[in-house]
């Protein structure tokens, strides 16, 4: 996805909870830019993961350069698409 990378890894334990982590490197920008990106990623995760997240898996969102320039609704659509793709991959 253009604004972020989504990594999903099943934990393999019996807990059906959804784990979430966020990473934004210094390549993205200064501290203000990185913190804004993390806030946007947290808001995306709060909105999408309860319905579309993969139970029993850890999800990591990695912010990319230019992610703050993308409209929030578009990022949400990208996250939904990425979650569906990850679910298909894990089902195989």
PDB file of N, CA and C in Angstrom:
ATOM      1  N   UNK A   1       0.839  -1.178   0.000  1.00  0.00           N
ATOM      2  CA  UNK A   1       0.000   0.000   0.000  1.00  0.00           C
ATOM      3  C   UNK A   1       0.890   1.250   0.000  1.00  0.00           C
ATOM      4  N   UNK A   2       0.432   2.320  -0.588  1.00  0.00           N
ATOM      5  CA  UNK A   2       1.288   3.506  -0.711  1.00  0.00           C
ATOM      6  C   UNK A   2       1.599   4.217   0.606  1.00  0.00           C
ATOM      7  N   UNK A   3       0.702   4.189   1.591  1.00  0.00           N
ATOM      8  CA  UNK A   3       0.924   4.934   2.824  1.00  0.00           C
ATOM      9  C   UNK A   3       1.505   4.134   3.959  1.00  0.00           C
ATOM     10  N   UNK A   4       1.438   2.803   3.848  1.00  0.00           N
ATOM     11  CA  UNK A   4       1.906   1.954   4.941  1.00  0.00           C
ATOM     12  C   UNK A   4       2.153   0.548   4.427  1.00  0.00           C
ATOM     13  N   UNK A   5       2.796  -0.250   5.255  1.00  0.00           N
ATOM     14  CA  UNK A   5       2.978  -1.677   5.015  1.00  0.00           C
ATOM     15  C   UNK A   5       2.265  -2.400   6.145  1.00  0.00           C
ATOM     16  N   UNK A   6       1.530  -3.434   5.827  1.00  0.00           N
ATOM     17  CA  UNK A   6       0.849  -4.228   6.844  1.00  0.00           C
ATOM     18  C   UNK A   6       1.499  -5.605   6.910  1.00  0.00           C
ATOM     19  N   UNK A   7       1.935  -5.982   8.106  1.00  0.00           N
ATOM     20  CA  UNK A   7       2.458  -7.322   8.339  1.00  0.00           C
ATOM     21  C   UNK A   7       1.509  -8.037   9.298  1.00  0.00           C
ATOM     22  N   UNK A   8       1.154  -9.270   8.976  1.00  0.00           N
ATOM     23  CA  UNK A   8       0.259 -10.053   9.829  1.00  0.00           C
ATOM     24  C   UNK A   8       0.917 -11.398  10.073  1.00  0.00           C
ATOM     25  N   UNK A   9       0.970 -11.791  11.342  1.00  0.00           N
ATOM     26  CA  UNK A   9       1.586 -13.061  11.717  1.00  0.00           C
ATOM     27  C   UNK A   9       0.707 -13.756  12.742  1.00  0.00           C
ATOM     28  N   UNK A  10       0.223 -14.963  12.434  1.00  0.00           N
ATOM     29  CA  UNK A  10      -0.551 -15.707  13.438  1.00  0.00           C
ATOM     30  C   UNK A  10       0.343 -16.075  14.616  1.00  0.00           C
ATOM     31  N   UNK A  11      -0.206 -15.928  15.818  1.00  0.00           N
ATOM     32  CA  UNK A  11       0.589 -16.219  17.016  1.00  0.00           C
ATOM     33  C   UNK A  11       0.696 -17.705  17.294  1.00  0.00           C
ATOM     34  N   UNK A  12      -0.316 -18.467  16.935  1.00  0.00           N
ATOM     35  CA  UNK A  12      -0.260 -19.905  17.169  1.00  0.00           C
ATOM     36  C   UNK A  12      -0.674 -20.313  18.576  1.00  0.00           C
ATOM     37  N   UNK A  13      -1.125 -19.367  19.377  1.00  0.00           N
ATOM     38  CA  UNK A  13      -1.623 -19.735  20.699  1.00  0.00           C
ATOM     39  C   UNK A  13      -3.150 -19.804  20.633  1.00  0.00           C
ATOM     40  N   UNK A  14      -3.777 -20.039  21.749  1.00  0.00           N
ATOM     41  CA  UNK A  14      -5.227 -20.195  21.747  1.00  0.00           C
ATOM     42  C   UNK A  14      -5.962 -18.895  22.019  1.00  0.00           C
ATOM     43  N   UNK A  15      -5.249 -17.808  22.144  1.00  0.00           N
ATOM     44  CA  UNK A  15      -5.864 -16.507  22.382  1.00  0.00           C
ATOM     45  C   UNK A  15      -6.387 -15.953  21.064  1.00  0.00           C
ATOM     46  N   UNK A  16      -7.653 -15.576  21.029  1.00  0.00           N
ATOM     47  CA  UNK A  16      -8.268 -15.060  19.801  1.00  0.00           C
ATOM     48  C   UNK A  16      -8.132 -13.548  19.692  1.00  0.00           C
ATOM     49  N   UNK A  17      -7.408 -12.930  20.595  1.00  0.00           N
ATOM     50  CA  UNK A  17      -7.246 -11.474  20.561  1.00  0.00           C
ATOM     51  C   UNK A  17      -6.424 -11.022  19.365  1.00  0.00           C
ATOM     52  N   UNK A  18      -6.592  -9.758  19.037  1.00  0.00           N
ATOM     53  CA  UNK A  18      -5.871  -9.159  17.920  1.00  0.00           C
ATOM     54  C   UNK A  18      -4.771  -8.271  18.482  1.00  0.00           C
ATOM     55  N   UNK A  19      -3.524  -8.552  18.114  1.00  0.00           N
ATOM     56  CA  UNK A  19      -2.395  -7.726  18.539  1.00  0.00           C
ATOM     57  C   UNK A  19      -2.108  -6.666  17.490  1.00  0.00           C
ATOM     58  N   UNK A  20      -1.637  -5.505  17.930  1.00  0.00           N
ATOM     59  CA  UNK A  20      -1.341  -4.421  16.995  1.00  0.00           C
ATOM     60  C   UNK A  20      -0.065  -3.704  17.403  1.00  0.00           C
ATOM     61  N   UNK A  21       0.724  -3.332  16.407  1.00  0.00           N
ATOM     62  CA  UNK A  21       1.942  -2.574  16.644  1.00  0.00           C
ATOM     63  C   UNK A  21       2.122  -1.542  15.543  1.00  0.00           C
ATOM     64  N   UNK A  22       2.849  -0.476  15.843  1.00  0.00           N
ATOM     65  CA  UNK A  22       3.058   0.612  14.887  1.00  0.00           C
ATOM     66  C   UNK A  22       4.538   0.955  14.837  1.00  0.00           C
ATOM     67  N   UNK A  23       5.033   1.215  13.631  1.00  0.00           N
ATOM     68  CA  UNK A  23       6.416   1.621  13.458  1.00  0.00           C
ATOM     69  C   UNK A  23       6.475   2.689  12.381  1.00  0.00           C
ATOM     70  N   UNK A  24       7.193   3.761  12.680  1.00  0.00           N
ATOM     71  CA  UNK A  24       7.449   4.804  11.687  1.00  0.00           C
ATOM     72  C   UNK A  24       8.910   5.199  11.858  1.00  0.00           C
ATOM     73  N   UNK A  25       9.720   4.972  10.838  1.00  0.00           N
ATOM     74  CA  UNK A  25      11.150   5.225  10.952  1.00  0.00           C
ATOM     75  C   UNK A  25      11.487   6.693  10.710  1.00  0.00           C
ATOM     76  N   UNK A  26      12.720   7.044  10.991  1.00  0.00           N
ATOM     77  CA  UNK A  26      13.184   8.419  10.797  1.00  0.00           C
ATOM     78  C   UNK A  26      13.237   8.801   9.329  1.00  0.00           C
ATOM     79  N   UNK A  27      13.190   7.828   8.440  1.00  0.00           N
ATOM     80  CA  UNK A  27      13.169   8.115   7.007  1.00  0.00           C
ATOM     81  C   UNK A  27      11.898   8.847   6.606  1.00  0.00           C
ATOM     82  N   UNK A  28      10.835   8.672   7.390  1.00  0.00           N
ATOM     83  CA  UNK A  28       9.549   9.299   7.086  1.00  0.00           C
ATOM     84  C   UNK A  28       9.606  10.801   7.328  1.00  0.00           C
ATOM     85  N   UNK A  29      10.359  11.239   8.322  1.00  0.00           N
ATOM     86  CA  UNK A  29      10.463  12.668   8.597  1.00  0.00           C
ATOM     87  C   UNK A  29      10.888  12.925  10.024  1.00  0.00           C
ATOM     88  N   UNK A  30      10.682  14.175  10.443  1.00  0.00           N
ATOM     89  CA  UNK A  30      11.071  14.554  11.802  1.00  0.00           C
ATOM     90  C   UNK A  30      10.067  14.002  12.815  1.00  0.00           C
ATOM     91  N   UNK A  31      10.264  14.296  14.083  1.00  0.00           N
ATOM     92  CA  UNK A  31       9.429  13.732  15.146  1.00  0.00           C
ATOM     93  C   UNK A  31       7.966  14.120  14.993  1.00  0.00           C
ATOM     94  N   UNK A  32       7.705  15.346  14.589  1.00  0.00           N
ATOM     95  CA  UNK A  32       6.323  15.800  14.428  1.00  0.00           C
ATOM     96  C   UNK A  32       5.633  14.990  13.333  1.00  0.00           C
ATOM     97  N   UNK A  33       6.312  14.791  12.228  1.00  0.00           N
ATOM     98  CA  UNK A  33       5.755  14.024  11.107  1.00  0.00           C
ATOM     99  C   UNK A  33       5.532  12.574  11.491  1.00  0.00           C
ATOM    100  N   UNK A  34       6.508  11.984  12.183  1.00  0.00           N
ATOM    101  CA  UNK A  34       6.371  10.583  12.591  1.00  0.00           C
ATOM    102  C   UNK A  34       5.230  10.403  13.580  1.00  0.00           C
ATOM    103  N   UNK A  35       5.097  11.320  14.534  1.00  0.00           N
ATOM    104  CA  UNK A  35       4.016  11.209  15.511  1.00  0.00           C
ATOM    105  C   UNK A  35       2.654  11.377  14.855  1.00  0.00           C
ATOM    106  N   UNK A  36       2.555  12.264  13.872  1.00  0.00           N
ATOM    107  CA  UNK A  36       1.289  12.439  13.155  1.00  0.00           C
ATOM    108  C   UNK A  36       0.936  11.161  12.415  1.00  0.00           C
ATOM    109  N   UNK A  37       1.924  10.554  11.803  1.00  0.00           N
ATOM    110  CA  UNK A  37       1.696   9.298  11.077  1.00  0.00           C
ATOM    111  C   UNK A  37       1.233   8.207  12.036  1.00  0.00           C
ATOM    112  N   UNK A  38       1.865   8.117  13.203  1.00  0.00           N
ATOM    113  CA  UNK A  38       1.460   7.108  14.189  1.00  0.00           C
ATOM    114  C   UNK A  38       0.031   7.341  14.678  1.00  0.00           C
ATOM    115  N   UNK A  39      -0.337   8.599  14.890  1.00  0.00           N
ATOM    116  CA  UNK A  39      -1.716   8.902  15.304  1.00  0.00           C
ATOM    117  C   UNK A  39      -2.711   8.467  14.236  1.00  0.00           C
ATOM    118  N   UNK A  40      -2.380   8.701  12.971  1.00  0.00           N
ATOM    119  CA  UNK A  40      -3.265   8.305  11.873  1.00  0.00           C
ATOM    120  C   UNK A  40      -3.363   6.776  11.799  1.00  0.00           C
ATOM    121  N   UNK A  41      -2.245   6.091  11.966  1.00  0.00           N
ATOM    122  CA  UNK A  41      -2.262   4.627  11.929  1.00  0.00           C
ATOM    123  C   UNK A  41      -3.077   4.057  13.086  1.00  0.00           C
ATOM    124  N   UNK A  42      -2.954   4.659  14.269  1.00  0.00           N
ATOM    125  CA  UNK A  42      -3.742   4.199  15.426  1.00  0.00           C
ATOM    126  C   UNK A  42      -5.235   4.372  15.164  1.00  0.00           C
ATOM    127  N   UNK A  43      -5.619   5.510  14.597  1.00  0.00           N
ATOM    128  CA  UNK A  43      -7.027   5.759  14.295  1.00  0.00           C
ATOM    129  C   UNK A  43      -7.542   4.766  13.248  1.00  0.00           C
ATOM    130  N   UNK A  44      -6.737   4.473  12.247  1.00  0.00           N
ATOM    131  CA  UNK A  44      -7.121   3.473  11.242  1.00  0.00           C
ATOM    132  C   UNK A  44      -7.332   2.112  11.890  1.00  0.00           C
ATOM    133  N   UNK A  45      -6.400   1.731  12.738  1.00  0.00           N
ATOM    134  CA  UNK A  45      -6.482   0.421  13.393  1.00  0.00           C
ATOM    135  C   UNK A  45      -7.714   0.335  14.295  1.00  0.00           C
ATOM    136  N   UNK A  46      -7.995   1.397  15.038  1.00  0.00           N
ATOM    137  CA  UNK A  46      -9.179   1.407  15.900  1.00  0.00           C
ATOM    138  C   UNK A  46     -10.458   1.225  15.101  1.00  0.00           C
ATOM    139  N   UNK A  47     -10.501   1.791  13.898  1.00  0.00           N
ATOM    140  CA  UNK A  47     -11.701   1.720  13.076  1.00  0.00           C
ATOM    141  C   UNK A  47     -11.837   0.379  12.348  1.00  0.00           C
ATOM    142  N   UNK A  48     -10.735  -0.174  11.859  1.00  0.00           N
ATOM    143  CA  UNK A  48     -10.826  -1.332  10.968  1.00  0.00           C
ATOM    144  C   UNK A  48     -10.588  -2.680  11.638  1.00  0.00           C
ATOM    145  N   UNK A  49      -9.695  -2.758  12.595  1.00  0.00           N
ATOM    146  CA  UNK A  49      -9.308  -4.069  13.119  1.00  0.00           C
ATOM    147  C   UNK A  49     -10.404  -4.815  13.876  1.00  0.00           C
ATOM    148  N   UNK A  50     -11.277  -4.167  14.634  1.00  0.00           N
ATOM    149  CA  UNK A  50     -12.303  -4.968  15.318  1.00  0.00           C
ATOM    150  C   UNK A  50     -13.179  -5.775  14.359  1.00  0.00           C
ATOM    151  N   UNK A  51     -13.478  -5.232  13.160  1.00  0.00           N
ATOM    152  CA  UNK A  51     -14.328  -5.961  12.208  1.00  0.00           C
ATOM    153  C   UNK A  51     -13.500  -6.816  11.250  1.00  0.00           C
ATOM    154  N   UNK A  52     -12.403  -6.277  10.743  1.00  0.00           N
ATOM    155  CA  UNK A  52     -11.673  -6.927   9.656  1.00  0.00           C
ATOM    156  C   UNK A  52     -10.371  -7.592  10.091  1.00  0.00           C
ATOM    157  N   UNK A  53      -9.948  -7.387  11.324  1.00  0.00           N
ATOM    158  CA  UNK A  53      -8.691  -7.964  11.784  1.00  0.00           C
ATOM    159  C   UNK A  53      -8.757  -9.475  11.869  1.00  0.00           C
ATOM    160  N   UNK A  54      -7.611 -10.107  11.816  1.00  0.00           N
ATOM    161  CA  UNK A  54      -7.520 -11.564  11.849  1.00  0.00           C
ATOM    162  C   UNK A  54      -7.335 -11.995  13.298  1.00  0.00           C
ATOM    163  N   UNK A  55      -8.302 -12.748  13.800  1.00  0.00           N
ATOM    164  CA  UNK A  55      -8.280 -13.181  15.193  1.00  0.00           C
ATOM    165  C   UNK A  55      -7.083 -14.093  15.437  1.00  0.00           C
ATOM    166  N   UNK A  56      -6.431 -13.916  16.573  1.00  0.00           N
ATOM    167  CA  UNK A  56      -5.296 -14.750  16.940  1.00  0.00           C
ATOM    168  C   UNK A  56      -4.019 -14.399  16.207  1.00  0.00           C
ATOM    169  N   UNK A  57      -3.952 -13.182  15.662  1.00  0.00           N
ATOM    170  CA  UNK A  57      -2.765 -12.769  14.910  1.00  0.00           C
ATOM    171  C   UNK A  57      -2.287 -11.409  15.391  1.00  0.00           C
ATOM    172  N   UNK A  58      -1.008 -11.162  15.174  1.00  0.00           N
ATOM    173  CA  UNK A  58      -0.422  -9.852  15.453  1.00  0.00           C
ATOM    174  C   UNK A  58      -0.356  -9.074  14.147  1.00  0.00           C
ATOM    175  N   UNK A  59      -0.759  -7.810  14.199  1.00  0.00           N
ATOM    176  CA  UNK A  59      -0.747  -6.923  13.035  1.00  0.00           C
ATOM    177  C   UNK A  59       0.253  -5.809  13.307  1.00  0.00           C
ATOM    178  N   UNK A  60       1.097  -5.507  12.338  1.00  0.00           N
ATOM    179  CA  UNK A  60       2.056  -4.407  12.469  1.00  0.00           C
ATOM    180  C   UNK A  60       1.865  -3.479  11.282  1.00  0.00           C
ATOM    181  N   UNK A  61       1.640  -2.203  11.565  1.00  0.00           N
ATOM    182  CA  UNK A  61       1.520  -1.182  10.534  1.00  0.00           C
ATOM    183  C   UNK A  61       2.807  -0.373  10.517  1.00  0.00           C
ATOM    184  N   UNK A  62       3.454  -0.334   9.368  1.00  0.00           N
ATOM    185  CA  UNK A  62       4.708   0.393   9.199  1.00  0.00           C
ATOM    186  C   UNK A  62       4.435   1.583   8.291  1.00  0.00           C
ATOM    187  N   UNK A  63       4.612   2.791   8.820  1.00  0.00           N
ATOM    188  CA  UNK A  63       4.359   4.000   8.043  1.00  0.00           C
ATOM    189  C   UNK A  63       5.395   4.200   6.957  1.00  0.00           C
ATOM    190  N   UNK A  64       4.934   4.685   5.817  1.00  0.00           N
ATOM    191  CA  UNK A  64       5.818   4.958   4.684  1.00  0.00           C
ATOM    192  C   UNK A  64       5.893   6.456   4.428  1.00  0.00           C
ATOM    193  N   UNK A  65       6.926   6.841   3.689  1.00  0.00           N
ATOM    194  CA  UNK A  65       7.080   8.238   3.294  1.00  0.00           C
ATOM    195  C   UNK A  65       5.865   8.639   2.462  1.00  0.00           C
ATOM    196  N   UNK A  66       5.286   9.791   2.747  1.00  0.00           N
ATOM    197  CA  UNK A  66       4.134  10.286   2.006  1.00  0.00           C
ATOM    198  C   UNK A  66       2.805   9.821   2.560  1.00  0.00           C
ATOM    199  N   UNK A  67       2.815   9.020   3.592  1.00  0.00           N
ATOM    200  CA  UNK A  67       1.573   8.522   4.174  1.00  0.00           C
ATOM    201  C   UNK A  67       0.704   9.615   4.763  1.00  0.00           C
ATOM    202  N   UNK A  68       1.323  10.687   5.243  1.00  0.00           N
ATOM    203  CA  UNK A  68       0.554  11.791   5.808  1.00  0.00           C
ATOM    204  C   UNK A  68      -0.140  12.615   4.731  1.00  0.00           C
ATOM    205  N   UNK A  69       0.311  12.508   3.487  1.00  0.00           N
ATOM    206  CA  UNK A  69      -0.268  13.287   2.400  1.00  0.00           C
ATOM    207  C   UNK A  69      -1.502  12.629   1.799  1.00  0.00           C
ATOM    208  N   UNK A  70      -1.754  11.373   2.142  1.00  0.00           N
ATOM    209  CA  UNK A  70      -2.894  10.645   1.596  1.00  0.00           C
ATOM    210  C   UNK A  70      -4.124  10.938   2.454  1.00  0.00           C
ATOM    211  N   UNK A  71      -5.263  11.111   1.800  1.00  0.00           N
ATOM    212  CA  UNK A  71      -6.526  11.372   2.493  1.00  0.00           C
ATOM    213  C   UNK A  71      -6.840  10.200   3.423  1.00  0.00           C
ATOM    214  N   UNK A  72      -7.335  10.513   4.625  1.00  0.00           N
ATOM    215  CA  UNK A  72      -7.577   9.501   5.648  1.00  0.00           C
ATOM    216  C   UNK A  72      -8.544   8.418   5.169  1.00  0.00           C
ATOM    217  N   UNK A  73      -9.607   8.796   4.469  1.00  0.00           N
ATOM    218  CA  UNK A  73     -10.575   7.814   3.976  1.00  0.00           C
ATOM    219  C   UNK A  73      -9.926   6.858   2.977  1.00  0.00           C
ATOM    220  N   UNK A  74      -9.020   7.374   2.185  1.00  0.00           N
ATOM    221  CA  UNK A  74      -8.313   6.533   1.222  1.00  0.00           C
ATOM    222  C   UNK A  74      -7.392   5.549   1.954  1.00  0.00           C
ATOM    223  N   UNK A  75      -6.742   6.010   3.014  1.00  0.00           N
ATOM    224  CA  UNK A  75      -5.911   5.103   3.820  1.00  0.00           C
ATOM    225  C   UNK A  75      -6.761   3.991   4.426  1.00  0.00           C
ATOM    226  N   UNK A  76      -7.964   4.343   4.860  1.00  0.00           N
ATOM    227  CA  UNK A  76      -8.879   3.338   5.404  1.00  0.00           C
ATOM    228  C   UNK A  76      -9.236   2.281   4.376  1.00  0.00           C
ATOM    229  N   UNK A  77      -9.472   2.714   3.144  1.00  0.00           N
ATOM    230  CA  UNK A  77      -9.782   1.767   2.073  1.00  0.00           C
ATOM    231  C   UNK A  77      -8.578   0.875   1.789  1.00  0.00           C
ATOM    232  N   UNK A  78      -7.383   1.454   1.831  1.00  0.00           N
ATOM    233  CA  UNK A  78      -6.166   0.675   1.617  1.00  0.00           C
ATOM    234  C   UNK A  78      -5.987  -0.365   2.721  1.00  0.00           C
ATOM    235  N   UNK A  79      -6.291   0.017   3.963  1.00  0.00           N
ATOM    236  CA  UNK A  79      -6.147  -0.922   5.080  1.00  0.00           C
ATOM    237  C   UNK A  79      -7.148  -2.066   4.940  1.00  0.00           C
ATOM    238  N   UNK A  80      -8.384  -1.761   4.573  1.00  0.00           N
ATOM    239  CA  UNK A  80      -9.374  -2.827   4.372  1.00  0.00           C
ATOM    240  C   UNK A  80      -8.910  -3.799   3.293  1.00  0.00           C
ATOM    241  N   UNK A  81      -8.391  -3.254   2.209  1.00  0.00           N
ATOM    242  CA  UNK A  81      -7.887  -4.087   1.120  1.00  0.00           C
ATOM    243  C   UNK A  81      -6.719  -4.953   1.590  1.00  0.00           C
ATOM    244  N   UNK A  82      -5.801  -4.368   2.341  1.00  0.00           N
ATOM    245  CA  UNK A  82      -4.637  -5.105   2.830  1.00  0.00           C
ATOM    246  C   UNK A  82      -5.050  -6.211   3.801  1.00  0.00           C
ATOM    247  N   UNK A  83      -6.038  -5.940   4.655  1.00  0.00           N
ATOM    248  CA  UNK A  83      -6.506  -6.955   5.599  1.00  0.00           C
ATOM    249  C   UNK A  83      -7.169  -8.116   4.870  1.00  0.00           C
ATOM    250  N   UNK A  84      -7.943  -7.825   3.828  1.00  0.00           N
ATOM    251  CA  UNK A  84      -8.577  -8.891   3.052  1.00  0.00           C
ATOM    252  C   UNK A  84      -7.520  -9.741   2.362  1.00  0.00           C
ATOM    253  N   UNK A  85      -6.495  -9.079   1.825  1.00  0.00           N
ATOM    254  CA  UNK A  85      -5.425  -9.808   1.157  1.00  0.00           C
ATOM    255  C   UNK A  85      -4.663 -10.688   2.140  1.00  0.00           C
ATOM    256  N   UNK A  86      -4.405 -10.172   3.322  1.00  0.00           N
ATOM    257  CA  UNK A  86      -3.694 -10.949   4.338  1.00  0.00           C
ATOM    258  C   UNK A  86      -4.540 -12.153   4.780  1.00  0.00           C
ATOM    259  N   UNK A  87      -5.841 -11.948   4.934  1.00  0.00           N
ATOM    260  CA  UNK A  87      -6.723 -13.053   5.340  1.00  0.00           C
ATOM    261  C   UNK A  87      -6.722 -14.149   4.282  1.00  0.00           C
ATOM    262  N   UNK A  88      -6.744 -13.761   2.998  1.00  0.00           N
ATOM    263  CA  UNK A  88      -6.697 -14.749   1.920  1.00  0.00           C
ATOM    264  C   UNK A  88      -5.383 -15.531   1.935  1.00  0.00           C
ATOM    265  N   UNK A  89      -4.288 -14.812   2.168  1.00  0.00           N
ATOM    266  CA  UNK A  89      -2.963 -15.460   2.185  1.00  0.00           C
ATOM    267  C   UNK A  89      -2.861 -16.453   3.349  1.00  0.00           C
ATOM    268  N   UNK A  90      -3.382 -16.070   4.501  1.00  0.00           N
ATOM    269  CA  UNK A  90      -3.293 -16.942   5.673  1.00  0.00           C
ATOM    270  C   UNK A  90      -4.229 -18.143   5.554  1.00  0.00           C
ATOM    271  N   UNK A  91      -5.301 -18.003   4.778  1.00  0.00           N
ATOM    272  CA  UNK A  91      -6.243 -19.095   4.614  1.00  0.00           C
ATOM    273  C   UNK A  91      -5.679 -20.210   3.734  1.00  0.00           C
ATOM    274  N   UNK A  92      -4.689 -19.909   2.932  1.00  0.00           N
ATOM    275  CA  UNK A  92      -4.114 -20.910   2.014  1.00  0.00           C
ATOM    276  C   UNK A  92      -3.276 -21.908   2.752  1.00  0.00           C
TER     277      UNK A  92
END
